[in-house]
Amino acid sequence: MKTETIVIELRAAEGGEDSKLLVRDMAAMYIKAARNNNFTVSNER
């Protein structure tokens, strides 16, 4: 089985608190989708 690493970087930009909330929600969405498809998830900050 071939192992690959995928890096997704999400950053808040202009928009202040709303931008931060959007990025947090998007990260949660990607993490949930990855886990639902049996990917290993590493959340480094």
Protein backbone atom coordinates (compact mmCIF):
# COMPACT_ATOMS: atom_id res chain seq x y z
CA MET A 1 0.00 0.00 0.00
CA LYS A 2 1.33 3.41 -0.98
CA THR A 3 1.38 6.10 1.68
CA GLU A 4 1.09 9.75 0.72
CA THR A 5 1.03 12.88 2.81
CA ILE A 6 -1.33 15.73 2.09
CA VAL A 7 -0.90 19.10 3.77
CA ILE A 8 -3.79 21.54 3.94
CA GLU A 9 -3.04 24.98 5.31
CA LEU A 10 -5.90 27.25 6.26
CA ARG A 11 -5.25 30.81 7.37
CA ALA A 12 -7.52 33.56 8.54
CA ALA A 13 -7.06 36.78 6.61
CA GLU A 14 -8.90 40.07 6.73
CA GLY A 15 -12.23 39.87 8.45
CA GLY A 16 -11.13 39.61 12.05
CA GLU A 17 -13.07 37.25 14.27
CA ASP A 18 -15.42 36.16 11.47
CA SER A 19 -12.46 35.04 9.40
CA LYS A 20 -11.07 33.01 12.30
CA LEU A 21 -14.42 31.32 12.87
CA LEU A 22 -14.72 30.41 9.19
CA VAL A 23 -11.24 28.85 9.14
CA ARG A 24 -11.99 26.89 12.33
CA ASP A 25 -15.21 25.53 10.82
CA MET A 26 -13.48 24.65 7.54
CA ALA A 27 -10.72 22.80 9.39
CA ALA A 28 -13.31 20.81 11.34
CA MET A 29 -15.08 19.95 8.08
CA TYR A 30 -11.87 18.69 6.41
CA ILE A 31 -10.84 16.71 9.50
CA LYS A 32 -14.26 15.05 9.76
CA ALA A 33 -14.28 14.17 6.06
CA ALA A 34 -10.78 12.70 6.28
CA ARG A 35 -11.63 10.57 9.31
CA ASN A 36 -14.88 9.39 7.68
CA ASN A 37 -12.74 8.15 4.77
CA ASN A 38 -10.25 6.35 7.06
CA PHE A 39 -7.39 8.82 6.67
CA THR A 40 -4.98 9.45 9.51
CA VAL A 41 -5.25 13.05 10.67
CA SER A 42 -2.48 15.01 12.35
CA ASN A 43 -3.40 18.48 13.53
CA GLU A 44 -0.23 20.54 13.94
CA ARG A 45 -0.35 24.22 14.74
